[in-house]
Amino acid sequence: MGGRLRNKVALIGGVGPGMGQAMAVLFAQEGAAVALMARRDDHLAGTAERIEQSGGRALACRGDTTHEADVQRAVAQTVATFGRLDIVVCNSGGQFEPTREFDQMDDAYFNRAITNHLITLLYLARHSRPIFRSQGGGAILTVAASESVRQEGNPAYGAGKGGVVGLTLNLAREFFPDNIRVNCVAPGLIRAPLANGNVAPVAGSTARTGRPEDVAFAALYLVSDEASWVTGQVLAVDGGVDAGARPLWQFER
């Protein structure tokens, strides 16, 4: 077990079998106590078991990040259990569906995309900020999508993820005086679920589809003290697509 997050407490909203789980496992490997928030009991149990089997500390907080009362309760449970809160990750979202076009969206679908991506961040930031202020600072990490994926996905998804980027930058400016850093990871296409065992760097070239651990290692840096002078940044983790290294379709294999 490493120590880059030793004595830190993290709350991750949206712990599914991919990036959320990868971040939770890696943060625990690096010494953090990790509170897990998800709607599904199996996602919570599987991630908590993996953390605890390797000697880490985990707290399962069943709830929906689109419901403010659930978020408020998860923050309170985290502080009551571990005594503090240092890191909050907003990993909620979904609805990529790149083949869905503008004319195939009704108001309910579009509003659901905005709620899943933006309201969740609003609630997590709202209820963690007072804790961070009382402790002298903290770190918020948001999860958007690289520009290539936002453009390739449907308009509702693109609007939601684009809004995450905009809100991240606004919060970074407003929260800066309180020593609260707000940064964003913007993944490209991430295909494979997290493999069993600990998170480890992926060997090989960039000529492959992204994996959850690629995003987890970027997230680890942004929430750690190593990034104490970094805020308001959007880090693309997309294998070079945004840089023009190759087209997005090369990942479709």
C-alpha atoms as a PDB file:
ATOM      1  CA  MET A   1       0.000   0.000   0.000  1.00  0.00           C
ATOM      2  CA  GLY A   2       1.329   3.435  -0.966  1.00  0.00           C
ATOM      3  CA  GLY A   3       0.995   6.653   0.942  1.00  0.00           C
ATOM      4  CA  ARG A   4       0.166   9.516  -1.405  1.00  0.00           C
ATOM      5  CA  LEU A   5      -3.229   9.898   0.304  1.00  0.00           C
ATOM      6  CA  ARG A   6      -2.215   8.841   3.810  1.00  0.00           C
ATOM      7  CA  ASN A   7      -4.559  10.253   6.485  1.00  0.00           C
ATOM      8  CA  LYS A   8      -6.973  11.519   3.816  1.00  0.00           C
ATOM      9  CA  VAL A   9     -10.681  10.737   3.593  1.00  0.00           C
ATOM     10  CA  ALA A  10     -12.378  10.600   0.199  1.00  0.00           C
ATOM     11  CA  LEU A  11     -16.033  10.416  -0.807  1.00  0.00           C
ATOM     12  CA  ILE A  12     -16.670   9.118  -4.319  1.00  0.00           C
ATOM     13  CA  GLY A  13     -20.119   9.684  -5.764  1.00  0.00           C
ATOM     14  CA  GLY A  14     -20.945   7.230  -8.534  1.00  0.00           C
ATOM     15  CA  VAL A  15     -19.050   4.034  -7.737  1.00  0.00           C
ATOM     16  CA  GLY A  16     -19.791   1.689 -10.609  1.00  0.00           C
ATOM     17  CA  PRO A  17     -17.733  -1.189 -11.993  1.00  0.00           C
ATOM     18  CA  GLY A  18     -15.509   1.100 -14.079  1.00  0.00           C
ATOM     19  CA  MET A  19     -13.815   4.420 -13.326  1.00  0.00           C
ATOM     20  CA  GLY A  20     -15.499   4.993  -9.974  1.00  0.00           C
ATOM     21  CA  GLN A  21     -14.394   1.644  -8.661  1.00  0.00           C
ATOM     22  CA  ALA A  22     -10.891   2.088 -10.057  1.00  0.00           C
ATOM     23  CA  MET A  23     -10.504   5.429  -8.291  1.00  0.00           C
ATOM     24  CA  ALA A  24     -11.844   4.049  -5.017  1.00  0.00           C
ATOM     25  CA  VAL A  25      -9.489   1.069  -5.032  1.00  0.00           C
ATOM     26  CA  LEU A  26      -6.458   3.160  -5.985  1.00  0.00           C
ATOM     27  CA  PHE A  27      -7.183   5.860  -3.406  1.00  0.00           C
ATOM     28  CA  ALA A  28      -7.416   3.161  -0.736  1.00  0.00           C
ATOM     29  CA  GLN A  29      -4.152   1.622  -1.937  1.00  0.00           C
ATOM     30  CA  GLU A  30      -2.568   5.035  -1.427  1.00  0.00           C
ATOM     31  CA  GLY A  31      -3.749   5.244   2.174  1.00  0.00           C
ATOM     32  CA  ALA A  32      -7.110   7.017   2.026  1.00  0.00           C
ATOM     33  CA  ALA A  33     -10.246   5.953   3.839  1.00  0.00           C
ATOM     34  CA  VAL A  34     -12.896   5.864   1.123  1.00  0.00           C
ATOM     35  CA  ALA A  35     -16.639   6.440   1.390  1.00  0.00           C
ATOM     36  CA  LEU A  36     -18.524   4.945  -1.540  1.00  0.00           C
ATOM     37  CA  MET A  37     -21.816   6.282  -2.865  1.00  0.00           C
ATOM     38  CA  ALA A  38     -23.939   4.406  -5.400  1.00  0.00           C
ATOM     39  CA  ARG A  39     -27.531   3.397  -6.010  1.00  0.00           C
ATOM     40  CA  ARG A  40     -26.793  -0.319  -6.325  1.00  0.00           C
ATOM     41  CA  ASP A  41     -25.881  -2.485  -3.357  1.00  0.00           C
ATOM     42  CA  ASP A  42     -23.812  -4.853  -5.502  1.00  0.00           C
ATOM     43  CA  HIS A  43     -21.595  -2.013  -6.729  1.00  0.00           C
ATOM     44  CA  LEU A  44     -21.043  -0.840  -3.166  1.00  0.00           C
ATOM     45  CA  ALA A  45     -20.408  -4.302  -1.756  1.00  0.00           C
ATOM     46  CA  GLY A  46     -18.007  -5.356  -4.493  1.00  0.00           C
ATOM     47  CA  THR A  47     -15.888  -2.230  -4.215  1.00  0.00           C
ATOM     48  CA  ALA A  48     -15.881  -2.185  -0.408  1.00  0.00           C
ATOM     49  CA  GLU A  49     -14.863  -5.843  -0.291  1.00  0.00           C
ATOM     50  CA  ARG A  50     -11.975  -5.242  -2.657  1.00  0.00           C
ATOM     51  CA  ILE A  51     -10.717  -2.352  -0.557  1.00  0.00           C
ATOM     52  CA  GLU A  52     -11.048  -4.155   2.764  1.00  0.00           C
ATOM     53  CA  GLN A  53      -9.409  -7.351   1.500  1.00  0.00           C
ATOM     54  CA  SER A  54      -6.267  -5.354   0.786  1.00  0.00           C
ATOM     55  CA  GLY A  55      -6.275  -3.763   4.233  1.00  0.00           C
ATOM     56  CA  GLY A  56      -8.040  -0.523   3.374  1.00  0.00           C
ATOM     57  CA  ARG A  57     -10.972   1.243   5.009  1.00  0.00           C
ATOM     58  CA  ALA A  58     -14.291   1.641   3.194  1.00  0.00           C
ATOM     59  CA  LEU A  59     -17.753   2.951   4.019  1.00  0.00           C
ATOM     60  CA  ALA A  60     -20.759   2.086   1.842  1.00  0.00           C
ATOM     61  CA  CYS A  61     -23.313   4.899   1.536  1.00  0.00           C
ATOM     62  CA  ARG A  62     -26.238   3.709  -0.544  1.00  0.00           C
ATOM     63  CA  GLY A  63     -27.895   6.649  -2.256  1.00  0.00           C
ATOM     64  CA  ASP A  64     -28.608   8.588  -5.423  1.00  0.00           C
ATOM     65  CA  THR A  65     -26.352  11.555  -6.163  1.00  0.00           C
ATOM     66  CA  THR A  66     -29.256  13.287  -7.943  1.00  0.00           C
ATOM     67  CA  HIS A  67     -31.129  13.430  -4.603  1.00  0.00           C
ATOM     68  CA  GLU A  68     -29.819  16.162  -2.337  1.00  0.00           C
ATOM     69  CA  ALA A  69     -30.909  14.437   0.873  1.00  0.00           C
ATOM     70  CA  ASP A  70     -28.901  11.343  -0.087  1.00  0.00           C
ATOM     71  CA  VAL A  71     -25.798  13.428  -0.769  1.00  0.00           C
ATOM     72  CA  GLN A  72     -26.173  15.332   2.491  1.00  0.00           C
ATOM     73  CA  ARG A  73     -26.525  12.056   4.381  1.00  0.00           C
ATOM     74  CA  ALA A  74     -23.463  10.512   2.693  1.00  0.00           C
ATOM     75  CA  VAL A  75     -21.309  13.513   3.585  1.00  0.00           C
ATOM     76  CA  ALA A  76     -22.516  13.373   7.190  1.00  0.00           C
ATOM     77  CA  GLN A  77     -21.919   9.606   7.417  1.00  0.00           C
ATOM     78  CA  THR A  78     -18.411  10.029   6.053  1.00  0.00           C
ATOM     79  CA  VAL A  79     -17.463  12.671   8.607  1.00  0.00           C
ATOM     80  CA  ALA A  80     -19.127  10.766  11.453  1.00  0.00           C
ATOM     81  CA  THR A  81     -17.255   7.564  10.562  1.00  0.00           C
ATOM     82  CA  PHE A  82     -13.804   8.877   9.646  1.00  0.00           C
ATOM     83  CA  GLY A  83     -13.724  12.230  11.452  1.00  0.00           C
ATOM     84  CA  ARG A  84     -13.062  14.411   8.430  1.00  0.00           C
ATOM     85  CA  LEU A  85     -13.451  14.810   4.666  1.00  0.00           C
ATOM     86  CA  ASP A  86     -10.607  15.829   2.359  1.00  0.00           C
ATOM     87  CA  ILE A  87     -11.575  14.714  -1.144  1.00  0.00           C
ATOM     88  CA  VAL A  88     -14.849  14.569  -3.067  1.00  0.00           C
ATOM     89  CA  VAL A  89     -15.157  12.968  -6.499  1.00  0.00           C
ATOM     90  CA  CYS A  90     -18.226  13.485  -8.670  1.00  0.00           C
ATOM     91  CA  ASN A  91     -18.237  10.516 -11.035  1.00  0.00           C
ATOM     92  CA  SER A  92     -21.964  10.435 -11.786  1.00  0.00           C
ATOM     93  CA  GLY A  93     -23.239  10.688 -15.325  1.00  0.00           C
ATOM     94  CA  GLY A  94     -24.102   8.204 -18.045  1.00  0.00           C
ATOM     95  CA  GLN A  95     -26.224   8.478 -21.204  1.00  0.00           C
ATOM     96  CA  PHE A  96     -23.346   8.472 -23.700  1.00  0.00           C
ATOM     97  CA  GLU A  97     -25.403   6.797 -26.484  1.00  0.00           C
ATOM     98  CA  PRO A  98     -23.413   8.271 -29.405  1.00  0.00           C
ATOM     99  CA  THR A  99     -25.981   7.202 -32.019  1.00  0.00           C
ATOM    100  CA  ARG A 100     -28.847   9.179 -30.448  1.00  0.00           C
ATOM    101  CA  GLU A 101     -29.467  12.352 -32.437  1.00  0.00           C
ATOM    102  CA  PHE A 102     -31.097  15.657 -31.589  1.00  0.00           C
ATOM    103  CA  ASP A 103     -34.510  14.750 -33.011  1.00  0.00           C
ATOM    104  CA  GLN A 104     -34.601  11.612 -30.855  1.00  0.00           C
ATOM    105  CA  MET A 105     -34.555  13.552 -27.573  1.00  0.00           C
ATOM    106  CA  ASP A 106     -37.581  14.746 -25.664  1.00  0.00           C
ATOM    107  CA  ASP A 107     -37.495  17.187 -22.767  1.00  0.00           C
ATOM    108  CA  ALA A 108     -37.385  14.419 -20.177  1.00  0.00           C
ATOM    109  CA  TYR A 109     -34.330  12.793 -21.758  1.00  0.00           C
ATOM    110  CA  PHE A 110     -32.451  16.081 -22.045  1.00  0.00           C
ATOM    111  CA  ASN A 111     -33.303  17.132 -18.502  1.00  0.00           C
ATOM    112  CA  ARG A 112     -32.183  13.753 -17.172  1.00  0.00           C
ATOM    113  CA  ALA A 113     -28.780  14.212 -18.813  1.00  0.00           C
ATOM    114  CA  ILE A 114     -28.358  17.643 -17.258  1.00  0.00           C
ATOM    115  CA  THR A 115     -29.458  16.349 -13.854  1.00  0.00           C
ATOM    116  CA  ASN A 116     -27.143  13.329 -13.944  1.00  0.00           C
ATOM    117  CA  HIS A 117     -24.101  15.392 -14.854  1.00  0.00           C
ATOM    118  CA  LEU A 118     -24.628  18.808 -13.269  1.00  0.00           C
ATOM    119  CA  ILE A 119     -27.049  18.578 -10.355  1.00  0.00           C
ATOM    120  CA  THR A 120     -24.936  15.826  -8.807  1.00  0.00           C
ATOM    121  CA  LEU A 121     -21.903  18.114  -8.832  1.00  0.00           C
ATOM    122  CA  LEU A 122     -23.962  20.957  -7.388  1.00  0.00           C
ATOM    123  CA  TYR A 123     -25.094  18.814  -4.447  1.00  0.00           C
ATOM    124  CA  LEU A 124     -21.689  17.300  -3.728  1.00  0.00           C
ATOM    125  CA  ALA A 125     -20.007  20.712  -3.817  1.00  0.00           C
ATOM    126  CA  ARG A 126     -22.740  22.340  -1.735  1.00  0.00           C
ATOM    127  CA  HIS A 127     -22.502  19.861   1.121  1.00  0.00           C
ATOM    128  CA  SER A 128     -18.743  19.295   1.140  1.00  0.00           C
ATOM    129  CA  ARG A 129     -17.726  22.948   1.002  1.00  0.00           C
ATOM    130  CA  PRO A 130     -18.616  23.763   4.638  1.00  0.00           C
ATOM    131  CA  ILE A 131     -16.582  20.760   5.810  1.00  0.00           C
ATOM    132  CA  PHE A 132     -13.602  21.795   3.703  1.00  0.00           C
ATOM    133  CA  ARG A 133     -13.841  25.364   4.968  1.00  0.00           C
ATOM    134  CA  SER A 134     -13.820  24.227   8.586  1.00  0.00           C
ATOM    135  CA  GLN A 135     -10.713  22.098   7.957  1.00  0.00           C
ATOM    136  CA  GLY A 136      -8.767  24.704   5.993  1.00  0.00           C
ATOM    137  CA  GLY A 137      -9.196  23.246   2.513  1.00  0.00           C
ATOM    138  CA  GLY A 138     -10.006  20.241   0.372  1.00  0.00           C
ATOM    139  CA  ALA A 139     -10.122  18.890  -3.162  1.00  0.00           C
ATOM    140  CA  ILE A 140     -13.042  18.335  -5.519  1.00  0.00           C
ATOM    141  CA  LEU A 141     -12.592  16.254  -8.654  1.00  0.00           C
ATOM    142  CA  THR A 142     -15.142  16.202 -11.456  1.00  0.00           C
ATOM    143  CA  VAL A 143     -15.381  13.775 -14.362  1.00  0.00           C
ATOM    144  CA  ALA A 144     -16.283  15.205 -17.755  1.00  0.00           C
ATOM    145  CA  ALA A 145     -15.296  13.803 -21.151  1.00  0.00           C
ATOM    146  CA  SER A 146     -12.642  14.716 -23.681  1.00  0.00           C
ATOM    147  CA  GLU A 147     -13.763  17.125 -26.408  1.00  0.00           C
ATOM    148  CA  SER A 148     -13.682  14.353 -28.990  1.00  0.00           C
ATOM    149  CA  VAL A 149     -16.100  12.207 -26.977  1.00  0.00           C
ATOM    150  CA  ARG A 150     -18.396  15.136 -26.167  1.00  0.00           C
ATOM    151  CA  GLN A 151     -18.667  15.909 -29.871  1.00  0.00           C
ATOM    152  CA  GLU A 152     -19.135  12.267 -30.817  1.00  0.00           C
ATOM    153  CA  GLY A 153     -21.838  11.650 -28.215  1.00  0.00           C
ATOM    154  CA  ASN A 154     -25.426  12.838 -28.409  1.00  0.00           C
ATOM    155  CA  PRO A 155     -26.226  16.533 -27.812  1.00  0.00           C
ATOM    156  CA  ALA A 156     -27.657  15.966 -24.330  1.00  0.00           C
ATOM    157  CA  TYR A 157     -24.521  14.103 -23.231  1.00  0.00           C
ATOM    158  CA  GLY A 158     -22.283  16.756 -24.771  1.00  0.00           C
ATOM    159  CA  ALA A 159     -24.209  19.529 -23.050  1.00  0.00           C
ATOM    160  CA  GLY A 160     -24.038  17.746 -19.706  1.00  0.00           C
ATOM    161  CA  LYS A 161     -20.317  17.046 -19.863  1.00  0.00           C
ATOM    162  CA  GLY A 162     -19.569  20.493 -21.274  1.00  0.00           C
ATOM    163  CA  GLY A 163     -21.487  21.928 -18.348  1.00  0.00           C
ATOM    164  CA  VAL A 164     -19.339  19.923 -15.947  1.00  0.00           C
ATOM    165  CA  VAL A 165     -16.253  21.606 -17.388  1.00  0.00           C
ATOM    166  CA  GLY A 166     -17.811  25.055 -17.089  1.00  0.00           C
ATOM    167  CA  LEU A 167     -19.011  24.501 -13.524  1.00  0.00           C
ATOM    168  CA  THR A 168     -15.612  23.098 -12.549  1.00  0.00           C
ATOM    169  CA  LEU A 169     -13.888  26.287 -13.669  1.00  0.00           C
ATOM    170  CA  ASN A 170     -16.431  28.516 -11.939  1.00  0.00           C
ATOM    171  CA  LEU A 171     -16.168  26.614  -8.668  1.00  0.00           C
ATOM    172  CA  ALA A 172     -12.373  26.695  -8.855  1.00  0.00           C
ATOM    173  CA  ARG A 173     -12.450  30.490  -9.025  1.00  0.00           C
ATOM    174  CA  GLU A 174     -15.025  30.894  -6.267  1.00  0.00           C
ATOM    175  CA  PHE A 175     -13.617  28.280  -3.875  1.00  0.00           C
ATOM    176  CA  PHE A 176      -9.969  29.316  -4.283  1.00  0.00           C
ATOM    177  CA  PRO A 177      -9.899  31.718  -1.281  1.00  0.00           C
ATOM    178  CA  ASP A 178     -10.907  28.828   0.991  1.00  0.00           C
ATOM    179  CA  ASN A 179      -8.042  26.621  -0.243  1.00  0.00           C
ATOM    180  CA  ILE A 180     -10.523  24.318  -1.984  1.00  0.00           C
ATOM    181  CA  ARG A 181      -9.137  23.036  -5.257  1.00  0.00           C
ATOM    182  CA  VAL A 182     -11.502  21.975  -8.057  1.00  0.00           C
ATOM    183  CA  ASN A 183     -10.171  20.057 -11.050  1.00  0.00           C
ATOM    184  CA  CYS A 184     -11.532  17.799 -13.756  1.00  0.00           C
ATOM    185  CA  VAL A 185     -10.483  14.658 -15.602  1.00  0.00           C
ATOM    186  CA  ALA A 186     -11.850  14.318 -19.120  1.00  0.00           C
ATOM    187  CA  PRO A 187     -11.658  10.688 -20.285  1.00  0.00           C
ATOM    188  CA  GLY A 188     -11.867   9.474 -23.840  1.00  0.00           C
ATOM    189  CA  LEU A 189     -13.457   6.141 -24.679  1.00  0.00           C
ATOM    190  CA  ILE A 190     -13.124   3.838 -21.679  1.00  0.00           C
ATOM    191  CA  ARG A 191     -14.159   0.279 -22.469  1.00  0.00           C
ATOM    192  CA  ALA A 192     -13.019  -2.370 -20.018  1.00  0.00           C
ATOM    193  CA  PRO A 193     -14.276  -2.785 -16.443  1.00  0.00           C
ATOM    194  CA  LEU A 194     -11.730  -2.861 -13.652  1.00  0.00           C
ATOM    195  CA  ALA A 195      -9.943  -6.191 -13.442  1.00  0.00           C
ATOM    196  CA  ASN A 196      -9.770  -8.114 -10.187  1.00  0.00           C
ATOM    197  CA  GLY A 197      -7.044  -7.167  -7.747  1.00  0.00           C
ATOM    198  CA  ASN A 198      -5.181  -3.934  -7.207  1.00  0.00           C
ATOM    199  CA  VAL A 199      -4.992  -1.091  -9.675  1.00  0.00           C
ATOM    200  CA  ALA A 200      -1.717  -1.084 -11.603  1.00  0.00           C
ATOM    201  CA  PRO A 201      -0.410   1.058 -14.471  1.00  0.00           C
ATOM    202  CA  VAL A 202      -1.194  -0.291 -17.931  1.00  0.00           C
ATOM    203  CA  ALA A 203       1.889  -1.167 -19.947  1.00  0.00           C
ATOM    204  CA  GLY A 204       2.198  -0.625 -23.672  1.00  0.00           C
ATOM    205  CA  SER A 205       1.616   2.134 -26.199  1.00  0.00           C
ATOM    206  CA  THR A 206      -1.252   4.616 -26.409  1.00  0.00           C
ATOM    207  CA  ALA A 207      -2.641   2.677 -29.385  1.00  0.00           C
ATOM    208  CA  ARG A 208      -5.384   1.007 -27.377  1.00  0.00           C
ATOM    209  CA  THR A 209      -8.740   1.716 -25.816  1.00  0.00           C
ATOM    210  CA  GLY A 210      -8.692   3.520 -22.491  1.00  0.00           C
ATOM    211  CA  ARG A 211      -9.098   1.609 -19.242  1.00  0.00           C
ATOM    212  CA  PRO A 212     -10.469   2.714 -15.874  1.00  0.00           C
ATOM    213  CA  GLU A 213      -7.028   2.658 -14.258  1.00  0.00           C
ATOM    214  CA  ASP A 214      -5.783   5.239 -16.782  1.00  0.00           C
ATOM    215  CA  VAL A 215      -8.315   7.685 -15.390  1.00  0.00           C
ATOM    216  CA  ALA A 216      -7.706   6.621 -11.783  1.00  0.00           C
ATOM    217  CA  PHE A 217      -4.004   7.493 -11.897  1.00  0.00           C
ATOM    218  CA  ALA A 218      -4.756  10.933 -13.344  1.00  0.00           C
ATOM    219  CA  ALA A 219      -7.372  11.442 -10.639  1.00  0.00           C
ATOM    220  CA  LEU A 220      -4.919  10.402  -7.928  1.00  0.00           C
ATOM    221  CA  TYR A 221      -2.516  13.161  -8.887  1.00  0.00           C
ATOM    222  CA  LEU A 222      -5.197  15.854  -8.982  1.00  0.00           C
ATOM    223  CA  VAL A 223      -6.588  15.048  -5.520  1.00  0.00           C
ATOM    224  CA  SER A 224      -3.194  14.522  -3.871  1.00  0.00           C
ATOM    225  CA  ASP A 225      -1.016  17.117  -2.151  1.00  0.00           C
ATOM    226  CA  GLU A 226       1.333  16.846  -5.128  1.00  0.00           C
ATOM    227  CA  ALA A 227      -1.223  19.004  -6.974  1.00  0.00           C
ATOM    228  CA  SER A 228      -1.598  21.536  -4.156  1.00  0.00           C
ATOM    229  CA  TRP A 229      -0.892  24.393  -6.613  1.00  0.00           C
ATOM    230  CA  VAL A 230      -3.224  23.052  -9.307  1.00  0.00           C
ATOM    231  CA  THR A 231      -6.845  24.165  -9.581  1.00  0.00           C
ATOM    232  CA  GLY A 232      -9.298  24.943 -12.363  1.00  0.00           C
ATOM    233  CA  GLN A 233      -7.650  22.469 -14.741  1.00  0.00           C
ATOM    234  CA  VAL A 234      -9.174  19.956 -17.158  1.00  0.00           C
ATOM    235  CA  LEU A 235      -6.895  16.977 -17.808  1.00  0.00           C
ATOM    236  CA  ALA A 236      -7.730  14.997 -20.946  1.00  0.00           C
ATOM    237  CA  VAL A 237      -7.090  11.263 -20.572  1.00  0.00           C
ATOM    238  CA  ASP A 238      -7.914  10.101 -24.070  1.00  0.00           C
ATOM    239  CA  GLY A 239      -4.879   8.525 -25.714  1.00  0.00           C
ATOM    240  CA  GLY A 240      -4.098  11.655 -27.719  1.00  0.00           C
ATOM    241  CA  VAL A 241      -7.352  12.027 -29.645  1.00  0.00           C
ATOM    242  CA  ASP A 242      -7.849  15.666 -28.671  1.00  0.00           C
ATOM    243  CA  ALA A 243      -4.270  16.375 -29.705  1.00  0.00           C
ATOM    244  CA  GLY A 244      -5.018  15.030 -33.184  1.00  0.00           C
ATOM    245  CA  ALA A 245      -2.834  11.953 -32.788  1.00  0.00           C
ATOM    246  CA  ARG A 246      -5.511   9.807 -34.449  1.00  0.00           C
ATOM    247  CA  PRO A 247      -9.260   9.751 -35.051  1.00  0.00           C
ATOM    248  CA  LEU A 248     -11.705   8.512 -32.458  1.00  0.00           C
ATOM    249  CA  TRP A 249     -12.814   5.602 -34.648  1.00  0.00           C
ATOM    250  CA  GLN A 250      -9.450   3.893 -34.144  1.00  0.00           C
ATOM    251  CA  PHE A 251     -10.615   3.022 -30.624  1.00  0.00           C
ATOM    252  CA  GLU A 252     -13.655   1.126 -31.899  1.00  0.00           C
ATOM    253  CA  ARG A 253     -11.932  -2.263 -31.831  1.00  0.00           C
END
